[in-house]
Every structure is written in C-alpha cells, then in structure tokens.
Amino acid sequence: MSARVKMYTSAVCPFCVRAEQLLETRGVTDVEKIRVDLDPSLRSEMMQITGRRTVPQIFIGDYHVGGCDELYELDRDGRLIPLLTAPQS
C-alpha cells in the first residue's frame, strides 16, 4: 500500500481496534496512531481538524475518512482499496 494512514485513537476503544483490523486485512502494515487519551491537547487538535470528538478519526493520505463506520462503508462500497493504493502527492 502506498497511502499514509493516520488514526486518532485511545487505548480502550473497540472501534479503533475494529478499524485497525480492517486496515490490516486490506494490507496496511503501518498506521500512525495518535493517542488522544495520553495527551488532551491531541484531542483538541483532532476536534479542530475534524469537527468530531470521538475516536477513531482516520485519515488516508489527506482524506478524512471519519470513524470506524465510515471506514467499513468505504470498504463495502469498494472504495477503500483504491484509496489505499492511490499515489500520494
């Protein structure tokens, strides 16, 4: 996979685990995890960027996927793998 994947996450988030599992099954071996539970300023940063306060918040390249449900929806619609394999600028 060529896309950079970044996920705002916390240690006790089952949706974060599900999202990461789906990404792994689609060939993503490296997810940049930003732990908002360890640093409250990171949650503020996430909220400023996404307008959302819940985790996970997933980015593939510069594209904000949203949360776990949106990630699974992308996969169901057949749009996840093309997004993951698109050349990054």
N, C-alpha and C. Protein backbone atom coordinates (compact mmCIF):
# COMPACT_ATOMS: atom_id res chain seq x y z
N MET A 1 0.85 -1.18 0.00
CA MET A 1 0.00 0.00 0.00
C MET A 1 0.89 1.24 0.00
N SER A 2 0.47 2.25 -0.72
CA SER A 2 1.30 3.44 -0.77
C SER A 2 0.74 4.58 0.06
N ALA A 3 -0.51 4.51 0.49
CA ALA A 3 -1.10 5.61 1.23
C ALA A 3 -0.63 5.63 2.68
N ARG A 4 -0.45 6.82 3.20
CA ARG A 4 -0.12 7.02 4.61
C ARG A 4 -1.43 7.02 5.38
N VAL A 5 -1.50 6.22 6.44
CA VAL A 5 -2.72 6.12 7.25
C VAL A 5 -2.42 6.63 8.64
N LYS A 6 -3.27 7.57 9.08
CA LYS A 6 -3.13 8.17 10.41
C LYS A 6 -4.46 7.99 11.13
N MET A 7 -4.39 7.60 12.41
CA MET A 7 -5.61 7.38 13.17
C MET A 7 -5.48 7.99 14.56
N TYR A 8 -6.40 8.88 14.88
CA TYR A 8 -6.52 9.36 16.26
C TYR A 8 -7.23 8.25 17.01
N THR A 9 -6.67 7.84 18.15
CA THR A 9 -7.15 6.66 18.84
C THR A 9 -6.98 6.79 20.35
N SER A 10 -7.51 5.81 21.07
CA SER A 10 -7.26 5.70 22.52
C SER A 10 -7.10 4.23 22.85
N ALA A 11 -6.59 3.96 24.03
CA ALA A 11 -6.24 2.58 24.41
C ALA A 11 -7.46 1.68 24.57
N VAL A 12 -8.57 2.21 24.99
CA VAL A 12 -9.72 1.36 25.32
C VAL A 12 -10.88 1.55 24.35
N CYS A 13 -10.58 1.69 23.09
CA CYS A 13 -11.59 1.97 22.08
C CYS A 13 -11.81 0.74 21.18
N PRO A 14 -12.94 0.03 21.34
CA PRO A 14 -13.17 -1.14 20.49
C PRO A 14 -13.33 -0.80 19.01
N PHE A 15 -13.84 0.39 18.71
CA PHE A 15 -13.99 0.79 17.32
C PHE A 15 -12.63 1.05 16.67
N CYS A 16 -11.69 1.52 17.47
CA CYS A 16 -10.32 1.72 16.98
C CYS A 16 -9.70 0.38 16.61
N VAL A 17 -9.92 -0.62 17.45
CA VAL A 17 -9.39 -1.96 17.20
C VAL A 17 -10.01 -2.53 15.92
N ARG A 18 -11.33 -2.39 15.76
CA ARG A 18 -12.00 -2.91 14.56
C ARG A 18 -11.48 -2.21 13.31
N ALA A 19 -11.30 -0.90 13.39
CA ALA A 19 -10.80 -0.16 12.23
C ALA A 19 -9.40 -0.62 11.85
N GLU A 20 -8.56 -0.79 12.85
CA GLU A 20 -7.19 -1.23 12.58
C GLU A 20 -7.18 -2.65 11.99
N GLN A 21 -8.07 -3.51 12.49
CA GLN A 21 -8.14 -4.88 11.95
C GLN A 21 -8.54 -4.86 10.48
N LEU A 22 -9.50 -4.03 10.12
CA LEU A 22 -9.91 -3.94 8.72
C LEU A 22 -8.76 -3.43 7.86
N LEU A 23 -8.07 -2.41 8.34
CA LEU A 23 -6.94 -1.88 7.58
C LEU A 23 -5.87 -2.95 7.38
N GLU A 24 -5.61 -3.73 8.42
CA GLU A 24 -4.62 -4.82 8.30
C GLU A 24 -5.04 -5.84 7.26
N THR A 25 -6.33 -6.19 7.23
CA THR A 25 -6.79 -7.17 6.23
C THR A 25 -6.69 -6.61 4.82
N ARG A 26 -6.64 -5.31 4.69
CA ARG A 26 -6.51 -4.67 3.37
C ARG A 26 -5.06 -4.33 3.04
N GLY A 27 -4.13 -4.84 3.85
CA GLY A 27 -2.72 -4.71 3.52
C GLY A 27 -1.98 -3.56 4.17
N VAL A 28 -2.63 -2.82 5.05
CA VAL A 28 -1.95 -1.71 5.72
C VAL A 28 -1.13 -2.28 6.87
N THR A 29 0.16 -2.06 6.83
CA THR A 29 1.04 -2.60 7.86
C THR A 29 1.51 -1.55 8.85
N ASP A 30 1.31 -0.28 8.51
CA ASP A 30 1.80 0.78 9.39
C ASP A 30 0.74 1.87 9.51
N VAL A 31 0.16 1.98 10.69
CA VAL A 31 -0.81 3.02 10.98
C VAL A 31 -0.17 3.96 11.99
N GLU A 32 -0.11 5.24 11.65
CA GLU A 32 0.38 6.24 12.60
C GLU A 32 -0.73 6.49 13.61
N LYS A 33 -0.51 6.06 14.85
CA LYS A 33 -1.53 6.20 15.89
C LYS A 33 -1.24 7.43 16.74
N ILE A 34 -2.24 8.26 16.88
CA ILE A 34 -2.14 9.45 17.71
C ILE A 34 -3.06 9.23 18.90
N ARG A 35 -2.48 9.00 20.06
CA ARG A 35 -3.22 8.62 21.27
C ARG A 35 -3.75 9.85 21.99
N VAL A 36 -5.03 10.12 21.81
CA VAL A 36 -5.65 11.28 22.44
C VAL A 36 -5.88 11.07 23.93
N ASP A 37 -5.84 9.82 24.39
CA ASP A 37 -6.02 9.56 25.82
C ASP A 37 -4.76 9.87 26.62
N LEU A 38 -3.63 9.95 25.95
CA LEU A 38 -2.37 10.24 26.64
C LEU A 38 -2.05 11.74 26.69
N ASP A 39 -2.65 12.50 25.78
CA ASP A 39 -2.36 13.92 25.69
C ASP A 39 -3.62 14.67 25.28
N PRO A 40 -4.29 15.35 26.24
CA PRO A 40 -5.54 16.05 25.94
C PRO A 40 -5.40 17.08 24.81
N SER A 41 -4.22 17.64 24.63
CA SER A 41 -4.06 18.62 23.55
C SER A 41 -4.23 17.96 22.18
N LEU A 42 -3.93 16.66 22.10
CA LEU A 42 -4.12 15.94 20.84
C LEU A 42 -5.60 15.76 20.52
N ARG A 43 -6.43 15.57 21.55
CA ARG A 43 -7.88 15.50 21.31
C ARG A 43 -8.38 16.85 20.82
N SER A 44 -7.88 17.92 21.41
CA SER A 44 -8.26 19.26 20.94
C SER A 44 -7.85 19.47 19.49
N GLU A 45 -6.64 19.02 19.16
CA GLU A 45 -6.16 19.11 17.77
C GLU A 45 -7.08 18.33 16.84
N MET A 46 -7.42 17.11 17.24
CA MET A 46 -8.30 16.26 16.43
C MET A 46 -9.65 16.94 16.23
N MET A 47 -10.22 17.51 17.28
CA MET A 47 -11.52 18.16 17.19
C MET A 47 -11.46 19.37 16.27
N GLN A 48 -10.37 20.10 16.33
CA GLN A 48 -10.20 21.27 15.48
C GLN A 48 -10.14 20.86 14.00
N ILE A 49 -9.42 19.79 13.72
CA ILE A 49 -9.23 19.33 12.34
C ILE A 49 -10.50 18.67 11.78
N THR A 50 -11.16 17.84 12.60
CA THR A 50 -12.26 17.01 12.10
C THR A 50 -13.65 17.53 12.46
N GLY A 51 -13.74 18.35 13.50
CA GLY A 51 -15.05 18.77 13.98
C GLY A 51 -15.74 17.68 14.79
N ARG A 52 -15.03 16.62 15.12
CA ARG A 52 -15.59 15.50 15.86
C ARG A 52 -14.77 15.27 17.13
N ARG A 53 -15.44 14.67 18.13
CA ARG A 53 -14.73 14.44 19.39
C ARG A 53 -14.51 12.97 19.70
N THR A 54 -15.07 12.08 18.88
CA THR A 54 -14.95 10.65 19.14
C THR A 54 -13.81 10.03 18.33
N VAL A 55 -13.27 8.94 18.87
CA VAL A 55 -12.25 8.18 18.16
C VAL A 55 -12.86 6.86 17.71
N PRO A 56 -12.33 6.27 16.66
CA PRO A 56 -11.19 6.76 15.88
C PRO A 56 -11.59 7.85 14.89
N GLN A 57 -10.63 8.65 14.52
CA GLN A 57 -10.74 9.54 13.38
C GLN A 57 -9.59 9.14 12.46
N ILE A 58 -9.94 8.72 11.27
CA ILE A 58 -8.99 8.08 10.37
C ILE A 58 -8.74 8.96 9.16
N PHE A 59 -7.47 9.08 8.81
CA PHE A 59 -7.05 9.79 7.61
C PHE A 59 -6.29 8.83 6.72
N ILE A 60 -6.61 8.82 5.45
CA ILE A 60 -5.83 8.09 4.45
C ILE A 60 -5.26 9.15 3.53
N GLY A 61 -3.96 9.33 3.60
CA GLY A 61 -3.35 10.48 2.93
C GLY A 61 -3.92 11.74 3.58
N ASP A 62 -4.41 12.66 2.78
CA ASP A 62 -5.03 13.88 3.30
C ASP A 62 -6.54 13.75 3.42
N TYR A 63 -7.08 12.60 3.04
CA TYR A 63 -8.53 12.40 3.05
C TYR A 63 -8.99 11.97 4.43
N HIS A 64 -9.95 12.72 5.00
CA HIS A 64 -10.53 12.36 6.30
C HIS A 64 -11.65 11.37 6.06
N VAL A 65 -11.40 10.12 6.42
CA VAL A 65 -12.39 9.06 6.27
C VAL A 65 -13.53 9.26 7.25
N GLY A 66 -13.19 9.59 8.48
CA GLY A 66 -14.16 9.66 9.56
C GLY A 66 -13.83 8.57 10.56
N GLY A 67 -14.88 7.92 11.07
CA GLY A 67 -14.68 6.89 12.08
C GLY A 67 -14.74 5.49 11.50
N CYS A 68 -14.91 4.53 12.39
CA CYS A 68 -14.92 3.12 12.03
C CYS A 68 -16.06 2.80 11.05
N ASP A 69 -17.25 3.32 11.32
CA ASP A 69 -18.39 3.03 10.44
C ASP A 69 -18.13 3.52 9.03
N GLU A 70 -17.56 4.71 8.90
CA GLU A 70 -17.27 5.26 7.58
C GLU A 70 -16.20 4.44 6.87
N LEU A 71 -15.22 3.93 7.62
CA LEU A 71 -14.18 3.09 7.04
C LEU A 71 -14.80 1.81 6.47
N TYR A 72 -15.67 1.17 7.25
CA TYR A 72 -16.32 -0.05 6.78
C TYR A 72 -17.23 0.24 5.59
N GLU A 73 -17.88 1.40 5.57
CA GLU A 73 -18.72 1.78 4.44
C GLU A 73 -17.88 1.94 3.17
N LEU A 74 -16.72 2.59 3.30
CA LEU A 74 -15.81 2.70 2.15
C LEU A 74 -15.45 1.32 1.62
N ASP A 75 -15.16 0.40 2.54
CA ASP A 75 -14.79 -0.95 2.14
C ASP A 75 -15.95 -1.65 1.44
N ARG A 76 -17.14 -1.57 2.00
CA ARG A 76 -18.33 -2.20 1.39
C ARG A 76 -18.59 -1.66 -0.01
N ASP A 77 -18.35 -0.35 -0.18
CA ASP A 77 -18.60 0.29 -1.48
C ASP A 77 -17.47 0.06 -2.48
N GLY A 78 -16.40 -0.64 -2.05
CA GLY A 78 -15.29 -0.91 -2.94
C GLY A 78 -14.37 0.29 -3.15
N ARG A 79 -14.45 1.27 -2.26
CA ARG A 79 -13.64 2.49 -2.42
C ARG A 79 -12.42 2.53 -1.51
N LEU A 80 -12.31 1.58 -0.58
CA LEU A 80 -11.19 1.62 0.37
C LEU A 80 -9.86 1.25 -0.29
N ILE A 81 -9.81 0.14 -0.99
CA ILE A 81 -8.55 -0.29 -1.59
C ILE A 81 -8.02 0.73 -2.61
N PRO A 82 -8.88 1.28 -3.50
CA PRO A 82 -8.36 2.32 -4.40
C PRO A 82 -7.78 3.52 -3.64
N LEU A 83 -8.41 3.88 -2.53
CA LEU A 83 -7.92 4.99 -1.73
C LEU A 83 -6.56 4.65 -1.11
N LEU A 84 -6.43 3.41 -0.65
CA LEU A 84 -5.18 2.97 -0.02
C LEU A 84 -4.04 2.84 -1.03
N THR A 85 -4.37 2.54 -2.27
CA THR A 85 -3.33 2.31 -3.27
C THR A 85 -3.08 3.49 -4.19
N ALA A 86 -3.83 4.57 -3.98
CA ALA A 86 -3.65 5.76 -4.83
C ALA A 86 -2.27 6.37 -4.58
N PRO A 87 -1.61 6.84 -5.63
CA PRO A 87 -0.33 7.50 -5.44
C PRO A 87 -0.50 8.73 -4.55
N GLN A 88 0.43 8.93 -3.66
CA GLN A 88 0.38 10.08 -2.75
C GLN A 88 1.24 11.20 -3.29
N SER A 89 0.71 12.41 -3.14
CA SER A 89 1.48 13.56 -3.62
C SER A 89 2.36 14.12 -2.54
